[in-house]
Amino acid sequence: MISSPEQQAVDAAITSRRSIRAFLPTPLAREDIEQILQVAARAPSGTNVQPWRVHVLTGAAKEELSSRILEAYHDPLQAATHTEPYAYYPRQWVSPYIDRRRKVGWDLYALLGLTREDKAGMAAQHGRNYAFFDAPVGLIFTIDNIMEQGSWLDYGMFLQNIMVAARGRGLDTCPQAAFTQYHRIISEYLRLPDNETVVCGMALGYADLSKIENTLVTERVPVAEFVKFAE
C-alpha cells in the first residue's frame, strides 16, 4: 500500500507522542487550546453522551493548584490522608504488566541518575507531576459519577485525541493519573460539584528537548505478541 500524505501525517502524530516530563515556559494562545479541545471532542462516545469535562489552568491558577497539592505531597501526615477515588492500576500485579511497569520506571530513573537507594530523589521526581512538569498549561479532566465503564472507555479516546491533535501542532503532552490521589484538593480548588470525579490531569506545551528525561522512548511489543488473526 502506498502511503498518502494524510496517512503519513496521522501516523507521525501518533507515533511521535510521548509522555514529556520537562516543558518550556512558552505560553500557548487560548484559541490554540480551544481548537485542540474542539478537534478532540470528535472522539466517539456511546450514544453521543460526550462524558468529558475539562478544566484548563494557566498562570496563577495553575501555580496555586500545584502549590496546594505539593504542600500535601511533601507532608507525610497530610499525604497519608489522600487516596485515589478509583483504582487506575490492578490491585494485584502479575507478569508481563509488572515487568513493563518496572522497566519504564527504572529506565527513567537511570536517565536522571537516580538509584534504588535515592528515595528522596525519586519522590522529588514524582512530585514534579503536580507542577505539570513546568508546562504552561495544565488540564484537569472530570466525569459525572453517574457514568459507567463505557463512558470511561470513551474518555480514553477523547484524551488520546487531545494528545494526537497536540502533536499535529508541534506540541507535547503528559497524561497524569498522579493527580487522582489529590482529588479532594482539586475538587475544593475548582469548586467541583459533589457528583464529579477527577479522571486525570495532563500537561500541555512545548517539550524542553535539552532535558535528558525527554529522551526516554518507551518500548512497545510487536504486533505478533498481542494480535491473533482468524481466517
C-alpha atoms as a PDB file:
ATOM      1  CA  MET A   1       0.000   0.000   0.000  1.00  0.00           C
ATOM      2  CA  ILE A   2       1.360   3.406  -0.990  1.00  0.00           C
ATOM      3  CA  SER A   3       1.116   5.843   1.892  1.00  0.00           C
ATOM      4  CA  SER A   4      -0.596   9.175   1.337  1.00  0.00           C
ATOM      5  CA  PRO A   5       0.433  12.494   2.894  1.00  0.00           C
ATOM      6  CA  GLU A   6      -2.647  12.270   5.125  1.00  0.00           C
ATOM      7  CA  GLN A   7      -1.657   8.834   6.391  1.00  0.00           C
ATOM      8  CA  GLN A   8       1.903   9.940   6.996  1.00  0.00           C
ATOM      9  CA  ALA A   9       0.745  12.978   8.973  1.00  0.00           C
ATOM     10  CA  VAL A  10      -1.609  10.950  11.171  1.00  0.00           C
ATOM     11  CA  ASP A  11       0.922   8.167  11.721  1.00  0.00           C
ATOM     12  CA  ALA A  12       3.612  10.702  12.607  1.00  0.00           C
ATOM     13  CA  ALA A  13       1.354  12.411  15.162  1.00  0.00           C
ATOM     14  CA  ILE A  14       0.516   9.091  16.815  1.00  0.00           C
ATOM     15  CA  THR A  15       3.980   7.515  16.803  1.00  0.00           C
ATOM     16  CA  SER A  16       5.763  10.683  17.937  1.00  0.00           C
ATOM     17  CA  ARG A  17       3.538  11.057  21.000  1.00  0.00           C
ATOM     18  CA  ARG A  18       5.471  10.535  24.213  1.00  0.00           C
ATOM     19  CA  SER A  19       4.988  11.413  27.857  1.00  0.00           C
ATOM     20  CA  ILE A  20       7.082  14.563  28.213  1.00  0.00           C
ATOM     21  CA  ARG A  21       8.397  15.337  31.687  1.00  0.00           C
ATOM     22  CA  ALA A  22      10.017  18.746  31.176  1.00  0.00           C
ATOM     23  CA  PHE A  23       8.454  21.652  29.296  1.00  0.00           C
ATOM     24  CA  LEU A  24       9.499  25.082  28.091  1.00  0.00           C
ATOM     25  CA  PRO A  25       7.674  28.070  29.628  1.00  0.00           C
ATOM     26  CA  THR A  26       6.489  29.208  26.167  1.00  0.00           C
ATOM     27  CA  PRO A  27       2.835  30.236  26.600  1.00  0.00           C
ATOM     28  CA  LEU A  28       0.021  28.917  24.427  1.00  0.00           C
ATOM     29  CA  ALA A  29      -2.744  31.065  22.998  1.00  0.00           C
ATOM     30  CA  ARG A  30      -6.208  30.363  24.351  1.00  0.00           C
ATOM     31  CA  GLU A  31      -7.573  29.899  20.828  1.00  0.00           C
ATOM     32  CA  ASP A  32      -4.993  27.181  20.143  1.00  0.00           C
ATOM     33  CA  ILE A  33      -6.007  25.297  23.292  1.00  0.00           C
ATOM     34  CA  GLU A  34      -9.669  25.640  22.385  1.00  0.00           C
ATOM     35  CA  GLN A  35      -9.007  24.371  18.866  1.00  0.00           C
ATOM     36  CA  ILE A  36      -7.235  21.259  20.171  1.00  0.00           C
ATOM     37  CA  LEU A  37     -10.126  20.517  22.510  1.00  0.00           C
ATOM     38  CA  GLN A  38     -12.693  21.123  19.764  1.00  0.00           C
ATOM     39  CA  VAL A  39     -10.914  18.653  17.484  1.00  0.00           C
ATOM     40  CA  ALA A  40     -10.568  16.148  20.336  1.00  0.00           C
ATOM     41  CA  ALA A  41     -14.298  16.359  21.030  1.00  0.00           C
ATOM     42  CA  ARG A  42     -14.889  14.439  17.795  1.00  0.00           C
ATOM     43  CA  ALA A  43     -13.936  11.323  19.774  1.00  0.00           C
ATOM     44  CA  PRO A  44     -16.626   8.642  19.642  1.00  0.00           C
ATOM     45  CA  SER A  45     -18.866   8.144  22.644  1.00  0.00           C
ATOM     46  CA  GLY A  46     -21.706   5.718  23.193  1.00  0.00           C
ATOM     47  CA  THR A  47     -24.995   7.310  22.034  1.00  0.00           C
ATOM     48  CA  ASN A  48     -23.068  10.600  21.820  1.00  0.00           C
ATOM     49  CA  VAL A  49     -23.166  11.302  25.567  1.00  0.00           C
ATOM     50  CA  GLN A  50     -19.744  13.065  25.441  1.00  0.00           C
ATOM     51  CA  PRO A  51     -18.839  12.483  29.107  1.00  0.00           C
ATOM     52  CA  TRP A  52     -15.744  14.703  29.227  1.00  0.00           C
ATOM     53  CA  ARG A  53     -15.378  17.873  31.266  1.00  0.00           C
ATOM     54  CA  VAL A  54     -12.139  19.839  31.049  1.00  0.00           C
ATOM     55  CA  HIS A  55     -10.628  22.439  33.378  1.00  0.00           C
ATOM     56  CA  VAL A  56      -7.845  24.475  31.742  1.00  0.00           C
ATOM     57  CA  LEU A  57      -5.313  26.001  34.124  1.00  0.00           C
ATOM     58  CA  THR A  58      -2.672  28.570  33.222  1.00  0.00           C
ATOM     59  CA  GLY A  59      -0.699  31.248  35.023  1.00  0.00           C
ATOM     60  CA  ALA A  60      -1.554  31.970  38.652  1.00  0.00           C
ATOM     61  CA  ALA A  61      -4.431  29.460  38.727  1.00  0.00           C
ATOM     62  CA  LYS A  62      -2.157  26.597  37.717  1.00  0.00           C
ATOM     63  CA  GLU A  63       0.558  27.671  40.150  1.00  0.00           C
ATOM     64  CA  GLU A  64      -1.915  27.899  43.045  1.00  0.00           C
ATOM     65  CA  LEU A  65      -3.332  24.422  42.492  1.00  0.00           C
ATOM     66  CA  SER A  66       0.174  22.981  42.160  1.00  0.00           C
ATOM     67  CA  SER A  67       1.237  24.710  45.359  1.00  0.00           C
ATOM     68  CA  ARG A  68      -1.691  23.289  47.332  1.00  0.00           C
ATOM     69  CA  ILE A  69      -1.080  19.754  46.111  1.00  0.00           C
ATOM     70  CA  LEU A  70       2.680  19.916  46.653  1.00  0.00           C
ATOM     71  CA  GLU A  71       2.169  21.136  50.211  1.00  0.00           C
ATOM     72  CA  ALA A  72       0.164  17.997  50.952  1.00  0.00           C
ATOM     73  CA  TYR A  73       2.501  15.740  48.953  1.00  0.00           C
ATOM     74  CA  HIS A  74       5.608  16.815  50.868  1.00  0.00           C
ATOM     75  CA  ASP A  75       3.923  16.363  54.264  1.00  0.00           C
ATOM     76  CA  PRO A  76       3.746  12.601  55.013  1.00  0.00           C
ATOM     77  CA  LEU A  77       0.919  13.069  57.518  1.00  0.00           C
ATOM     78  CA  GLN A  78      -1.179  15.017  55.017  1.00  0.00           C
ATOM     79  CA  ALA A  79      -0.300  12.767  52.100  1.00  0.00           C
ATOM     80  CA  ALA A  80      -1.469   9.709  54.021  1.00  0.00           C
ATOM     81  CA  THR A  81      -4.985  11.149  54.220  1.00  0.00           C
ATOM     82  CA  HIS A  82      -5.325  11.370  50.430  1.00  0.00           C
ATOM     83  CA  THR A  83      -6.335   8.358  48.377  1.00  0.00           C
ATOM     84  CA  GLU A  84      -7.412   7.781  44.780  1.00  0.00           C
ATOM     85  CA  PRO A  85     -11.154   7.842  44.038  1.00  0.00           C
ATOM     86  CA  TYR A  86     -10.786   4.857  41.705  1.00  0.00           C
ATOM     87  CA  ALA A  87      -8.252   2.105  41.044  1.00  0.00           C
ATOM     88  CA  TYR A  88      -6.260   3.041  37.965  1.00  0.00           C
ATOM     89  CA  TYR A  89      -3.856   0.134  38.278  1.00  0.00           C
ATOM     90  CA  PRO A  90      -4.594  -3.536  39.025  1.00  0.00           C
ATOM     91  CA  ARG A  91      -4.839  -4.432  42.687  1.00  0.00           C
ATOM     92  CA  GLN A  92      -2.581  -7.420  42.107  1.00  0.00           C
ATOM     93  CA  TRP A  93       0.332  -7.142  39.692  1.00  0.00           C
ATOM     94  CA  VAL A  94       1.401 -10.076  37.521  1.00  0.00           C
ATOM     95  CA  SER A  95       3.784 -10.565  34.619  1.00  0.00           C
ATOM     96  CA  PRO A  96       4.147  -9.145  31.979  1.00  0.00           C
ATOM     97  CA  TYR A  97       2.468  -5.969  33.270  1.00  0.00           C
ATOM     98  CA  ILE A  98       4.613  -5.543  36.368  1.00  0.00           C
ATOM     99  CA  ASP A  99       7.748  -6.131  34.291  1.00  0.00           C
ATOM    100  CA  ARG A 100       6.817  -3.362  31.860  1.00  0.00           C
ATOM    101  CA  ARG A 101       5.939  -1.008  34.705  1.00  0.00           C
ATOM    102  CA  ARG A 102       9.243  -1.595  36.472  1.00  0.00           C
ATOM    103  CA  LYS A 103      11.260  -1.225  33.291  1.00  0.00           C
ATOM    104  CA  VAL A 104       9.877   2.168  32.338  1.00  0.00           C
ATOM    105  CA  GLY A 105      10.353   3.395  35.904  1.00  0.00           C
ATOM    106  CA  TRP A 106      13.952   2.306  36.155  1.00  0.00           C
ATOM    107  CA  ASP A 107      14.734   3.483  32.619  1.00  0.00           C
ATOM    108  CA  LEU A 108      13.563   6.967  33.595  1.00  0.00           C
ATOM    109  CA  TYR A 109      15.414   6.975  36.898  1.00  0.00           C
ATOM    110  CA  ALA A 110      18.597   5.752  35.206  1.00  0.00           C
ATOM    111  CA  LEU A 111      18.493   8.703  32.813  1.00  0.00           C
ATOM    112  CA  LEU A 112      18.120  11.028  35.797  1.00  0.00           C
ATOM    113  CA  GLY A 113      20.930   9.326  37.696  1.00  0.00           C
ATOM    114  CA  LEU A 114      18.611   8.084  40.440  1.00  0.00           C
ATOM    115  CA  THR A 115      19.418   4.788  42.143  1.00  0.00           C
ATOM    116  CA  ARG A 116      17.121   2.497  44.104  1.00  0.00           C
ATOM    117  CA  GLU A 117      18.535   3.920  47.320  1.00  0.00           C
ATOM    118  CA  ASP A 118      17.727   7.515  46.406  1.00  0.00           C
ATOM    119  CA  LYS A 119      14.200   7.596  47.759  1.00  0.00           C
ATOM    120  CA  ALA A 120      14.248  11.382  48.157  1.00  0.00           C
ATOM    121  CA  GLY A 121      15.289  11.875  44.559  1.00  0.00           C
ATOM    122  CA  MET A 122      12.552   9.571  43.290  1.00  0.00           C
ATOM    123  CA  ALA A 123       9.969  11.336  45.453  1.00  0.00           C
ATOM    124  CA  ALA A 124      11.089  14.718  44.125  1.00  0.00           C
ATOM    125  CA  GLN A 125      10.796  13.482  40.553  1.00  0.00           C
ATOM    126  CA  HIS A 126       7.298  12.130  41.208  1.00  0.00           C
ATOM    127  CA  GLY A 127       6.375  15.432  42.800  1.00  0.00           C
ATOM    128  CA  ARG A 128       7.102  17.205  39.514  1.00  0.00           C
ATOM    129  CA  ASN A 129       3.824  15.726  38.286  1.00  0.00           C
ATOM    130  CA  TYR A 130       1.995  18.197  40.493  1.00  0.00           C
ATOM    131  CA  ALA A 131       3.737  21.150  38.835  1.00  0.00           C
ATOM    132  CA  PHE A 132       2.634  19.753  35.456  1.00  0.00           C
ATOM    133  CA  PHE A 133       6.350  19.329  34.730  1.00  0.00           C
ATOM    134  CA  ASP A 134       6.501  23.137  34.343  1.00  0.00           C
ATOM    135  CA  ALA A 135       4.207  23.099  31.298  1.00  0.00           C
ATOM    136  CA  PRO A 136       2.421  26.411  30.664  1.00  0.00           C
ATOM    137  CA  VAL A 137      -0.959  24.647  30.534  1.00  0.00           C
ATOM    138  CA  GLY A 138      -2.386  22.143  32.977  1.00  0.00           C
ATOM    139  CA  LEU A 139      -5.558  20.245  32.189  1.00  0.00           C
ATOM    140  CA  ILE A 140      -7.750  18.543  34.763  1.00  0.00           C
ATOM    141  CA  PHE A 141     -10.379  16.117  33.477  1.00  0.00           C
ATOM    142  CA  THR A 142     -13.517  15.191  35.393  1.00  0.00           C
ATOM    143  CA  ILE A 143     -16.513  12.958  34.818  1.00  0.00           C
ATOM    144  CA  ASP A 144     -20.024  12.741  36.249  1.00  0.00           C
ATOM    145  CA  ASN A 145     -20.223   9.941  38.824  1.00  0.00           C
ATOM    146  CA  ILE A 146     -23.339   8.597  37.150  1.00  0.00           C
ATOM    147  CA  MET A 147     -21.280   7.429  34.176  1.00  0.00           C
ATOM    148  CA  GLU A 148     -20.280   3.773  33.955  1.00  0.00           C
ATOM    149  CA  GLN A 149     -17.342   1.881  32.440  1.00  0.00           C
ATOM    150  CA  GLY A 150     -18.366   2.527  28.845  1.00  0.00           C
ATOM    151  CA  SER A 151     -18.072   6.278  29.286  1.00  0.00           C
ATOM    152  CA  TRP A 152     -14.610   5.845  30.775  1.00  0.00           C
ATOM    153  CA  LEU A 153     -13.628   3.997  27.599  1.00  0.00           C
ATOM    154  CA  ASP A 154     -14.983   6.930  25.612  1.00  0.00           C
ATOM    155  CA  TYR A 155     -12.993   9.293  27.813  1.00  0.00           C
ATOM    156  CA  GLY A 156      -9.773   7.484  26.930  1.00  0.00           C
ATOM    157  CA  MET A 157     -10.405   8.104  23.238  1.00  0.00           C
ATOM    158  CA  PHE A 158     -11.005  11.783  23.969  1.00  0.00           C
ATOM    159  CA  LEU A 159      -7.716  12.023  25.871  1.00  0.00           C
ATOM    160  CA  GLN A 160      -5.855  10.316  23.035  1.00  0.00           C
ATOM    161  CA  ASN A 161      -7.374  12.777  20.568  1.00  0.00           C
ATOM    162  CA  ILE A 162      -6.020  15.682  22.615  1.00  0.00           C
ATOM    163  CA  MET A 163      -2.528  14.213  22.618  1.00  0.00           C
ATOM    164  CA  VAL A 164      -2.554  13.450  18.890  1.00  0.00           C
ATOM    165  CA  ALA A 165      -4.022  16.856  17.992  1.00  0.00           C
ATOM    166  CA  ALA A 166      -1.310  18.480  20.110  1.00  0.00           C
ATOM    167  CA  ARG A 167       1.406  16.568  18.278  1.00  0.00           C
ATOM    168  CA  GLY A 168      -0.054  17.650  14.947  1.00  0.00           C
ATOM    169  CA  ARG A 169       0.613  21.221  16.085  1.00  0.00           C
ATOM    170  CA  GLY A 170       4.152  20.570  17.307  1.00  0.00           C
ATOM    171  CA  LEU A 171       3.087  20.435  20.955  1.00  0.00           C
ATOM    172  CA  ASP A 172       3.625  17.752  23.563  1.00  0.00           C
ATOM    173  CA  THR A 173       1.704  16.332  26.493  1.00  0.00           C
ATOM    174  CA  CYS A 174       1.966  14.117  29.534  1.00  0.00           C
ATOM    175  CA  PRO A 175      -1.197  12.383  30.777  1.00  0.00           C
ATOM    176  CA  GLN A 176      -1.049  12.183  34.572  1.00  0.00           C
ATOM    177  CA  ALA A 177      -3.007   9.766  36.719  1.00  0.00           C
ATOM    178  CA  ALA A 178      -0.950  11.025  39.678  1.00  0.00           C
ATOM    179  CA  PHE A 179      -3.442  13.844  40.205  1.00  0.00           C
ATOM    180  CA  THR A 180      -6.228  11.481  41.245  1.00  0.00           C
ATOM    181  CA  GLN A 181      -4.696  10.940  44.682  1.00  0.00           C
ATOM    182  CA  TYR A 182      -5.334  14.607  45.466  1.00  0.00           C
ATOM    183  CA  HIS A 183      -8.842  14.799  44.080  1.00  0.00           C
ATOM    184  CA  ARG A 184     -10.145  16.374  47.299  1.00  0.00           C
ATOM    185  CA  ILE A 185      -7.764  19.317  46.948  1.00  0.00           C
ATOM    186  CA  ILE A 186      -8.579  19.625  43.252  1.00  0.00           C
ATOM    187  CA  SER A 187     -12.312  19.431  43.882  1.00  0.00           C
ATOM    188  CA  GLU A 188     -12.137  22.162  46.501  1.00  0.00           C
ATOM    189  CA  TYR A 189      -9.958  24.441  44.388  1.00  0.00           C
ATOM    190  CA  LEU A 190     -12.003  24.015  41.190  1.00  0.00           C
ATOM    191  CA  ARG A 191     -15.286  24.030  43.152  1.00  0.00           C
ATOM    192  CA  LEU A 192     -16.397  20.822  41.536  1.00  0.00           C
ATOM    193  CA  PRO A 193     -19.928  19.627  42.268  1.00  0.00           C
ATOM    194  CA  ASP A 194     -20.254  16.579  44.501  1.00  0.00           C
ATOM    195  CA  ASN A 195     -21.214  14.398  41.545  1.00  0.00           C
ATOM    196  CA  GLU A 196     -17.892  14.845  39.685  1.00  0.00           C
ATOM    197  CA  THR A 197     -14.762  12.660  39.886  1.00  0.00           C
ATOM    198  CA  VAL A 198     -11.261  13.607  38.776  1.00  0.00           C
ATOM    199  CA  VAL A 199     -10.209  11.315  35.922  1.00  0.00           C
ATOM    200  CA  CYS A 200      -6.623  12.543  35.483  1.00  0.00           C
ATOM    201  CA  GLY A 201      -4.520  15.573  34.670  1.00  0.00           C
ATOM    202  CA  MET A 202      -2.436  16.435  31.632  1.00  0.00           C
ATOM    203  CA  ALA A 203       0.479  18.757  30.952  1.00  0.00           C
ATOM    204  CA  LEU A 204       0.423  20.589  27.613  1.00  0.00           C
ATOM    205  CA  GLY A 205       3.107  22.702  25.982  1.00  0.00           C
ATOM    206  CA  TYR A 206       6.408  22.611  24.117  1.00  0.00           C
ATOM    207  CA  ALA A 207       8.911  19.951  25.174  1.00  0.00           C
ATOM    208  CA  ASP A 208      12.231  21.102  26.579  1.00  0.00           C
ATOM    209  CA  LEU A 209      14.449  18.927  24.412  1.00  0.00           C
ATOM    210  CA  SER A 210      17.543  19.883  26.420  1.00  0.00           C
ATOM    211  CA  LYS A 211      16.304  17.781  29.355  1.00  0.00           C
ATOM    212  CA  ILE A 212      17.564  14.209  29.460  1.00  0.00           C
ATOM    213  CA  GLU A 213      14.287  12.788  30.767  1.00  0.00           C
ATOM    214  CA  ASN A 214      12.707  13.702  27.443  1.00  0.00           C
ATOM    215  CA  THR A 215      14.978  11.275  25.604  1.00  0.00           C
ATOM    216  CA  LEU A 216      13.065   8.362  27.103  1.00  0.00           C
ATOM    217  CA  VAL A 217      11.190   6.358  24.484  1.00  0.00           C
ATOM    218  CA  THR A 218       9.154   3.500  25.933  1.00  0.00           C
ATOM    219  CA  GLU A 219       9.076   0.132  24.209  1.00  0.00           C
ATOM    220  CA  ARG A 220       6.070  -1.439  22.516  1.00  0.00           C
ATOM    221  CA  VAL A 221       5.727  -5.161  21.916  1.00  0.00           C
ATOM    222  CA  PRO A 222       5.429  -6.262  18.259  1.00  0.00           C
ATOM    223  CA  VAL A 223       2.008  -6.892  16.753  1.00  0.00           C
ATOM    224  CA  ALA A 224       2.592 -10.644  16.707  1.00  0.00           C
ATOM    225  CA  GLU A 225       2.634 -10.687  20.516  1.00  0.00           C
ATOM    226  CA  PHE A 226      -0.814  -9.153  21.053  1.00  0.00           C
ATOM    227  CA  VAL A 227      -2.777  -9.941  17.885  1.00  0.00           C
ATOM    228  CA  LYS A 228      -4.371 -13.113  16.548  1.00  0.00           C
ATOM    229  CA  PHE A 229      -5.832 -13.313  13.049  1.00  0.00           C
ATOM    230  CA  ALA A 230      -8.717 -15.667  12.351  1.00  0.00           C
ATOM    231  CA  GLU A 231      -9.273 -16.519   8.695  1.00  0.00           C
END
